[in-house]
Structures are given as structure tokens and as C-alpha cells.
Amino acid sequence: MDKQLLGAFIAERRKQQGMTQAALAQALHVTDKAVSKWERGLSYPDVTLLQPLADVFRLKVDDLLTCRSEESEVHMANNSPSPQREQANGSPAVQSVLTISAENTQRQKRRQRRIAVVAALVIALIAVLVVLQHDGALFTAQRTVSPDGSLVLSVYRDRLIGGSYSVLSDTPLYIEDSRCPYCGRGSGQKRTRQPLDERIASVIGLQWSPDGRYLLIQGKARSAAPACWELWDFAPDGTDDPVRRKDISTDILVQLSGHKGETVSSPLLPALPGVSARSWVPHVALSAPQWTNGYALTMAYSYEGTDGVRRSGTLLYDAAAGSVRSVTGGA
């Protein structure tokens, strides 16, 4: 079938019917742009529109497809019954094609409706999960209760996929935001949700000190560094200081290398045995932390020196002073 020939035939029949392109489009439930494309020979009508288009032009589908009009009009005007007469709307073959096409179209529409319903349900479910996740109701990694039972903390991911870990408190906490460079006093804000260090890839433990002042959050780092531990210092009863957070894993590694702050102190190990004097501190694995009293932490450490030898030992960390008090092993 030639597009140009069919387009010219549609335009001719439309004009004979005294219809505009907009009127024909409205009768077929399509846009007038679609009718314009047909008549300009740019596209064919959809197969499901052949029967409605033939009905509008008072033609058989066969005649519409072959661009015949006179024979069809005589045929449509002949009302005398005849066993040999063709079906008014076209040959059986054409009718079969139209029937199959209509059924396929209906099946496709039903499939699209089912897909749309499933997609809407999935989107709604994801939205609910995202809201629950943001509120800490899903994927809780750890939950802990303070020794006196006054505080419940939950650690969870702040996004359904990816994201970072946050701590959710059942009561607002006064958490330090920054410290005054002159007086050293911290300022804070009350909040129930506090993000953890973005380097933390997983949370492996929460440990309160016996007196309930300190909380150790053990995390595994995303990078090659094996540990990323946060120590939360809750102000003693009767004080209004905000909760202070400190990355003690980095602090311990710096001190093990013989450095503290901006000054260089005597190396504790000294300068990590088996490590070249010109190299920086290696990746030191910290593990098995245990509170010995209200403020002291013992933990195991291990590292591989630049000489390829694996060394390990234990150390004692003073949470109140923020320093490593003693080290054993490592030789």
C-alpha cells in the first residue's frame, strides 16, 4: 500500500463527507495532527483504526485499503440479500486481521494497566520504606540502653540504599556542634538524630562505660583503615555541657606513632617497631575494647610493619584525659 495514495484517498473522502481534519480526528479519537500526517503520506493509520475509518467513510475495509470508492458505495447501497454477498465491512480475511489486532490491542492495554498498578504499588512501598527508614524504623544496626535506663539509642542507616549511619535517641540530646577557640567550651543544639562519621561502613558494637558517662561506638571504616570509633562523652550529672563526640581511633593511631596534636612526643612503642622512621603510621587494627572502670578502655591492637612482620599487643586508653596511658607488646 502506498502512503501517498492512501493519504490522498483519505483526504478526498473526508472532503466528500464535508468533514474537517479536526472533525475526523474527533470521530476516531485521535489528534488532528495524526490525520494530517495520514493525508500528507507521512504515516499509516493504526490497524485498529481501519474499521472505524471505513465506517466514517461508508466503505468496506477492503475498499479503504485499495482506495476504491464507487464499487463500495454501490455495494453498501445494495440491500438485497444474497448468499454470495461479501460481508459489508470487508472480506473474512480482513475481518480476521482486524479481530486479531483488536484482541492484541486489548491484551496490551490490560498488560499496561497491570504494569502501571504494580509500578504504583512498588513506588508507594518504596515511599513508605524511605519514610520509615528516615525515621529509624528499619534496618537498625544496633540498639542500646544507658546503664540507668534513662536513654535508648538506635543506630541505623539514614537511607534505604547507601547513605550513612545515624544515631536516633528516644529523647532530645544536647549535642556539641563546635567549641570556642578561647575558652574551650562547646556550644550545641538539641536533637534526636545525629549522623555518625561518614567513613563508617558498618557498626559492630555499642559499649557504655560502667558509670554511664561514656558510649563507645565501634565502626568499620569504608577506606583501608580497619577502624573508625566514636566516643561520646555525656556530661556528668549536674552540668549543662553538651555531649562531646571524638574519633578516638585516629587519636590512638596518632599517639602510637609518637605524635599528639601539633607537638611530637616520645613514641609509645617507640615509633612502632618494624616501621621505617621515614614512613607514617601504618594501618593499626583496634579490637576487643573493654571498660576497666568509669573512664579507662583496654583494647587489642595489631599492625604489619614495613618489614612485613605482623605485631600485636594491648593498650590502655584514658577516656577522660583523651590519651593512651600504657602499651604492651608490639616487639
Protein backbone atom coordinates (compact mmCIF):
# COMPACT_ATOMS: atom_id res chain seq x y z
CA MET A 1 0.00 0.00 0.00
CA ASP A 2 1.32 3.42 -0.97
CA LYS A 3 1.25 6.07 1.79
CA GLN A 4 0.77 8.95 -0.62
CA LEU A 5 -2.09 7.22 -2.44
CA LEU A 6 -3.85 6.25 0.79
CA GLY A 7 -3.35 9.73 2.22
CA ALA A 8 -4.84 11.39 -0.83
CA PHE A 9 -7.77 8.95 -0.74
CA ILE A 10 -8.47 9.72 2.94
CA ALA A 11 -8.33 13.46 2.25
CA GLU A 12 -10.68 13.09 -0.72
CA ARG A 13 -13.22 11.01 1.20
CA ARG A 14 -13.05 13.39 4.17
CA LYS A 15 -13.83 16.37 1.96
CA GLN A 16 -16.67 14.45 0.27
CA GLN A 17 -18.14 13.88 3.72
CA GLY A 18 -17.83 17.62 4.42
CA MET A 19 -15.56 16.97 7.42
CA THR A 20 -12.56 18.89 8.66
CA GLN A 21 -9.42 17.17 9.86
CA ALA A 22 -10.40 18.07 13.42
CA ALA A 23 -13.87 16.53 12.96
CA LEU A 24 -12.42 13.31 11.56
CA ALA A 25 -9.88 13.20 14.37
CA GLN A 26 -12.65 13.64 16.94
CA ALA A 27 -14.71 10.84 15.36
CA LEU A 28 -11.73 8.47 15.54
CA HIS A 29 -10.49 9.68 18.97
CA VAL A 30 -7.11 10.72 17.60
CA THR A 31 -5.38 14.07 17.19
CA ASP A 32 -5.80 16.26 14.12
CA LYS A 33 -2.02 16.06 13.71
CA ALA A 34 -2.35 12.31 13.18
CA VAL A 35 -4.98 12.88 10.46
CA SER A 36 -2.73 15.47 8.85
CA LYS A 37 0.16 13.00 8.74
CA TRP A 38 -2.05 10.39 7.09
CA GLU A 39 -3.22 12.76 4.41
CA ARG A 40 0.31 14.00 3.71
CA GLY A 41 1.51 10.44 3.31
CA LEU A 42 3.81 10.59 6.30
CA SER A 43 2.29 7.67 8.21
CA TYR A 44 -0.37 4.97 8.06
CA PRO A 45 -3.42 4.83 10.33
CA ASP A 46 -3.12 2.25 13.07
CA VAL A 47 -4.61 -1.09 12.05
CA THR A 48 -7.18 -0.79 14.85
CA LEU A 49 -8.50 2.42 13.20
CA LEU A 50 -9.16 0.87 9.78
CA GLN A 51 -12.66 -0.34 10.66
CA PRO A 52 -13.78 2.94 12.34
CA LEU A 53 -12.26 4.94 9.45
CA ALA A 54 -14.07 2.79 6.89
CA ASP A 55 -17.33 3.25 8.81
CA VAL A 56 -16.95 7.03 8.79
CA PHE A 57 -16.40 7.00 5.02
CA ARG A 58 -19.19 4.40 4.50
CA LEU A 59 -16.75 2.00 2.90
CA LYS A 60 -15.67 -1.59 3.26
CA VAL A 61 -12.26 -2.04 4.81
CA ASP A 62 -11.18 -3.82 1.62
CA ASP A 63 -12.07 -0.75 -0.45
CA LEU A 64 -10.41 1.60 2.01
CA LEU A 65 -7.17 -0.34 1.78
CA THR A 66 -7.35 -0.47 -2.03
CA CYS A 67 -8.55 3.16 -2.29
CA ARG A 68 -11.79 2.26 -4.12
CA SER A 69 -14.97 4.18 -3.57
CA GLU A 70 -17.56 3.72 -6.36
CA GLU A 71 -17.72 -0.04 -6.05
CA SER A 72 -18.06 0.24 -2.31
CA GLU A 73 -20.87 2.78 -2.47
CA VAL A 74 -22.82 0.55 -4.85
CA HIS A 75 -22.13 -2.38 -2.60
CA MET A 76 -23.27 -0.53 0.52
CA ALA A 77 -26.41 0.68 -1.27
CA ASN A 78 -27.38 -2.82 -2.34
CA ASN A 79 -29.64 -4.15 0.43
CA SER A 80 -30.88 -7.23 -1.42
CA PRO A 81 -29.95 -10.45 0.41
CA SER A 82 -27.52 -12.71 -1.41
CA PRO A 83 -25.73 -15.81 -0.12
CA GLN A 84 -22.72 -14.91 -2.24
CA ARG A 85 -22.63 -11.33 -0.98
CA GLU A 86 -19.41 -10.34 0.89
CA GLN A 87 -19.62 -9.06 4.38
CA ALA A 88 -20.40 -5.35 4.36
CA ASN A 89 -17.35 -4.48 6.36
CA GLY A 90 -14.81 -6.44 4.29
CA SER A 91 -13.61 -9.90 3.43
CA PRO A 92 -13.29 -12.63 6.07
CA ALA A 93 -9.50 -12.34 5.86
CA VAL A 94 -9.59 -8.64 6.62
CA GLN A 95 -12.08 -9.21 9.42
CA SER A 96 -9.79 -11.84 10.93
CA VAL A 97 -6.86 -9.43 10.83
CA LEU A 98 -8.95 -6.71 12.46
CA THR A 99 -10.24 -9.08 15.13
CA ILE A 100 -6.77 -10.35 15.98
CA SER A 101 -5.41 -6.79 16.06
CA ALA A 102 -8.23 -5.63 18.34
CA GLU A 103 -7.67 -8.54 20.72
CA ASN A 104 -3.93 -7.89 20.79
CA THR A 105 -4.56 -4.22 21.50
CA GLN A 106 -6.91 -5.06 24.38
CA ARG A 107 -4.41 -7.56 25.74
CA GLN A 108 -1.64 -4.96 25.54
CA LYS A 109 -3.81 -2.38 27.30
CA ARG A 110 -4.59 -4.85 30.09
CA ARG A 111 -0.90 -5.65 30.43
CA GLN A 112 -0.04 -1.95 30.57
CA ARG A 113 -2.70 -1.40 33.23
CA ARG A 114 -1.31 -4.26 35.30
CA ILE A 115 2.23 -2.91 34.94
CA ALA A 116 1.01 0.56 35.93
CA VAL A 117 -0.76 -0.85 39.02
CA VAL A 118 2.32 -2.86 40.05
CA ALA A 119 4.58 0.15 39.46
CA ALA A 120 2.31 2.35 41.57
CA LEU A 121 2.33 -0.22 44.38
CA VAL A 122 6.12 -0.52 44.23
CA ILE A 123 6.54 3.27 44.30
CA ALA A 124 4.15 3.52 47.24
CA LEU A 125 6.00 0.74 49.07
CA ILE A 126 9.37 2.39 48.45
CA ALA A 127 7.99 5.71 49.68
CA VAL A 128 6.75 4.07 52.89
CA LEU A 129 10.10 2.30 53.37
CA VAL A 130 12.01 5.52 52.79
CA VAL A 131 9.89 7.35 55.38
CA LEU A 132 10.28 4.52 57.87
CA GLN A 133 14.00 4.36 57.19
CA HIS A 134 14.41 8.09 57.67
CA ASP A 135 12.62 7.78 60.99
CA GLY A 136 14.89 4.92 62.04
CA ALA A 137 12.19 2.26 61.95
CA LEU A 138 14.04 -0.01 59.50
CA PHE A 139 17.50 -1.54 59.21
CA THR A 140 18.50 -0.73 62.76
CA ALA A 141 22.10 -1.89 63.12
CA GLN A 142 22.43 -1.63 66.91
CA ARG A 143 20.29 -0.57 69.85
CA THR A 144 21.46 0.18 73.38
CA VAL A 145 20.05 1.42 76.70
CA SER A 146 22.09 3.54 79.09
CA PRO A 147 23.08 1.83 82.36
CA ASP A 148 20.49 3.81 84.34
CA GLY A 149 17.77 3.04 81.76
CA SER A 150 17.03 6.70 81.06
CA LEU A 151 18.16 6.73 77.43
CA VAL A 152 17.59 4.45 74.41
CA LEU A 153 19.82 4.92 71.36
CA SER A 154 19.43 3.20 67.99
CA VAL A 155 21.98 3.19 65.17
CA TYR A 156 20.53 2.90 61.65
CA ARG A 157 21.16 3.85 58.04
CA ASP A 158 19.61 7.18 57.06
CA ARG A 159 18.77 5.99 53.52
CA LEU A 160 17.13 2.91 52.10
CA ILE A 161 20.02 2.36 49.68
CA GLY A 162 23.52 3.55 50.52
CA GLY A 163 23.69 6.55 52.78
CA SER A 164 25.43 6.76 56.13
CA TYR A 165 24.73 5.79 59.72
CA SER A 166 22.89 7.95 62.22
CA VAL A 167 22.02 7.66 65.90
CA LEU A 168 18.39 8.08 66.93
CA SER A 169 17.59 8.98 70.54
CA ASP A 170 14.24 8.46 72.25
CA THR A 171 14.74 11.82 73.95
CA PRO A 172 16.39 15.01 72.61
CA LEU A 173 20.13 15.21 73.28
CA TYR A 174 22.14 18.38 73.71
CA ILE A 175 24.96 17.56 71.24
CA GLU A 176 28.05 19.69 70.74
CA ASP A 177 28.41 21.43 67.36
CA SER A 178 31.59 23.44 67.88
CA ARG A 179 34.00 24.55 70.58
CA CYS A 180 35.10 28.08 71.45
CA PRO A 181 38.80 28.52 70.49
CA TYR A 182 39.33 30.79 73.54
CA CYS A 183 37.55 29.17 76.46
CA GLY A 184 37.24 25.66 75.02
CA ARG A 185 33.57 25.48 75.95
CA GLY A 186 31.32 23.77 73.47
CA SER A 187 28.08 25.02 72.03
CA GLY A 188 25.39 22.62 70.96
CA GLN A 189 21.86 22.02 69.79
CA LYS A 190 19.16 19.69 71.00
CA ARG A 191 18.31 16.96 68.52
CA THR A 192 17.06 13.39 68.45
CA ARG A 193 19.01 12.37 65.32
CA GLN A 194 22.79 12.66 64.94
CA PRO A 195 24.76 11.48 61.87
CA LEU A 196 27.87 9.41 62.56
CA ASP A 197 31.21 9.82 60.79
CA GLU A 198 30.69 9.32 57.04
CA ARG A 199 33.70 6.97 56.95
CA ILE A 200 31.77 4.32 58.92
CA ALA A 201 30.69 1.47 56.64
CA SER A 202 29.18 -0.71 59.38
CA VAL A 203 28.57 -0.53 63.13
CA ILE A 204 29.87 -3.53 65.05
CA GLY A 205 29.27 -2.58 68.67
CA LEU A 206 28.00 -0.13 71.28
CA GLN A 207 29.53 -0.14 74.77
CA TRP A 208 28.66 2.05 77.76
CA SER A 209 31.20 2.76 80.44
CA PRO A 210 30.15 1.39 83.85
CA ASP A 211 29.27 4.84 85.16
CA GLY A 212 27.18 5.61 82.05
CA ARG A 213 29.17 8.71 81.14
CA TYR A 214 30.86 7.36 78.00
CA LEU A 215 29.50 5.46 75.00
CA LEU A 216 31.90 3.78 72.58
CA ILE A 217 30.53 3.31 69.04
CA GLN A 218 32.69 0.83 67.15
CA GLY A 219 32.55 1.22 63.39
CA LYS A 220 34.31 -0.37 60.45
CA ALA A 221 35.68 2.23 58.05
CA ARG A 222 34.89 2.40 54.33
CA SER A 223 38.53 3.02 53.44
CA ALA A 224 41.52 0.77 54.04
CA ALA A 225 41.65 1.91 57.66
CA PRO A 226 40.27 -1.00 59.75
CA ALA A 227 38.51 1.00 62.47
CA CYS A 228 36.58 4.20 62.97
CA TRP A 229 35.48 4.52 66.59
CA GLU A 230 33.49 7.38 68.08
CA LEU A 231 33.49 8.07 71.80
CA TRP A 232 30.50 10.04 73.12
CA ASP A 233 31.12 11.88 76.36
CA PHE A 234 27.86 12.60 78.18
CA ALA A 235 28.22 15.45 80.67
CA PRO A 236 28.23 14.38 84.32
CA ASP A 237 25.03 14.89 86.29
CA GLY A 238 24.54 18.47 87.37
CA THR A 239 26.43 20.02 84.43
CA ASP A 240 24.99 21.65 81.33
CA ASP A 241 27.85 20.75 78.95
CA PRO A 242 26.72 19.25 75.61
CA VAL A 243 27.50 15.70 74.56
CA ARG A 244 31.01 15.66 73.07
CA ARG A 245 31.96 13.31 70.22
CA LYS A 246 35.53 12.25 69.46
CA ASP A 247 37.17 9.97 66.91
CA ILE A 248 39.43 8.05 69.29
CA SER A 249 40.65 5.55 66.67
CA THR A 250 42.51 8.30 64.81
CA ASP A 251 43.68 9.83 68.08
CA ILE A 252 45.10 6.48 69.25
CA LEU A 253 46.92 5.86 65.97
CA VAL A 254 48.49 9.32 66.06
CA GLN A 255 49.67 8.75 69.62
CA LEU A 256 51.04 5.31 68.78
CA SER A 257 53.20 6.93 66.11
CA GLY A 258 54.68 9.30 68.68
CA HIS A 259 52.64 12.37 67.80
CA LYS A 260 49.99 14.21 69.77
CA GLY A 261 48.31 17.34 68.49
CA GLU A 262 50.79 19.68 66.86
CA THR A 263 53.72 18.58 69.04
CA VAL A 264 55.86 15.48 68.82
CA SER A 265 56.07 13.39 71.98
CA SER A 266 58.13 10.34 72.79
CA PRO A 267 56.88 7.35 70.77
CA LEU A 268 54.97 4.88 72.90
CA LEU A 269 56.21 1.80 71.05
CA PRO A 270 58.81 3.52 70.35
CA ALA A 271 57.74 4.77 66.92
CA LEU A 272 56.14 1.34 66.25
CA PRO A 273 58.77 -1.42 65.98
CA GLY A 274 59.30 -2.70 62.47
CA VAL A 275 58.17 0.56 60.86
CA SER A 276 60.61 2.67 58.90
CA ALA A 277 61.39 6.01 60.54
CA ARG A 278 60.52 7.76 57.29
CA SER A 279 57.08 6.18 56.93
CA TRP A 280 53.84 7.35 58.50
CA VAL A 281 51.86 5.23 60.93
CA PRO A 282 50.61 2.00 59.27
CA HIS A 283 47.03 0.80 59.42
CA VAL A 284 46.64 -0.36 63.00
CA ALA A 285 43.70 -2.65 63.74
CA LEU A 286 41.93 -1.99 67.05
CA SER A 287 39.68 -4.64 68.56
CA ALA A 288 38.19 -6.17 71.71
CA PRO A 289 37.58 -2.95 73.71
CA GLN A 290 36.68 -3.39 77.36
CA TRP A 291 35.90 -0.80 80.04
CA THR A 292 38.04 -1.38 83.14
CA ASN A 293 36.43 1.38 85.21
CA GLY A 294 34.45 4.57 84.67
CA TYR A 295 36.82 6.05 82.11
CA ALA A 296 39.60 3.58 81.07
CA LEU A 297 39.44 1.35 77.99
CA THR A 298 41.67 -1.62 77.26
CA MET A 299 41.88 -2.86 73.70
CA ALA A 300 43.99 -5.02 71.44
CA TYR A 301 45.96 -3.62 68.55
CA SER A 302 47.81 -5.19 65.63
CA TYR A 303 49.65 -3.96 62.59
CA GLU A 304 52.03 -5.11 59.89
CA GLY A 305 55.33 -3.25 59.86
CA THR A 306 57.21 -2.15 56.81
CA ASP A 307 59.46 -5.16 57.43
CA GLY A 308 56.48 -7.46 56.72
CA VAL A 309 56.20 -8.74 60.31
CA ARG A 310 52.78 -8.80 62.00
CA ARG A 311 52.89 -7.33 65.53
CA SER A 312 50.20 -7.08 68.20
CA GLY A 313 49.64 -6.10 71.80
CA THR A 314 47.28 -4.29 74.17
CA LEU A 315 46.92 -0.71 75.24
CA LEU A 316 45.06 1.31 77.85
CA TYR A 317 43.20 4.42 76.74
CA ASP A 318 42.17 7.12 79.23
CA ALA A 319 38.80 8.45 78.00
CA ALA A 320 38.81 11.37 80.46
CA ALA A 321 42.30 12.55 79.50
CA GLY A 322 41.98 11.53 75.85
CA SER A 323 45.37 9.80 75.81
CA VAL A 324 47.00 6.38 75.66
CA ARG A 325 48.35 5.63 79.13
CA SER A 326 50.23 2.39 78.51
CA VAL A 327 51.15 -0.06 75.76
CA THR A 328 52.30 -3.67 75.98
CA GLY A 329 53.65 -5.93 73.25
CA GLY A 330 54.46 -4.76 69.76
CA ALA A 331 58.04 -6.01 69.74
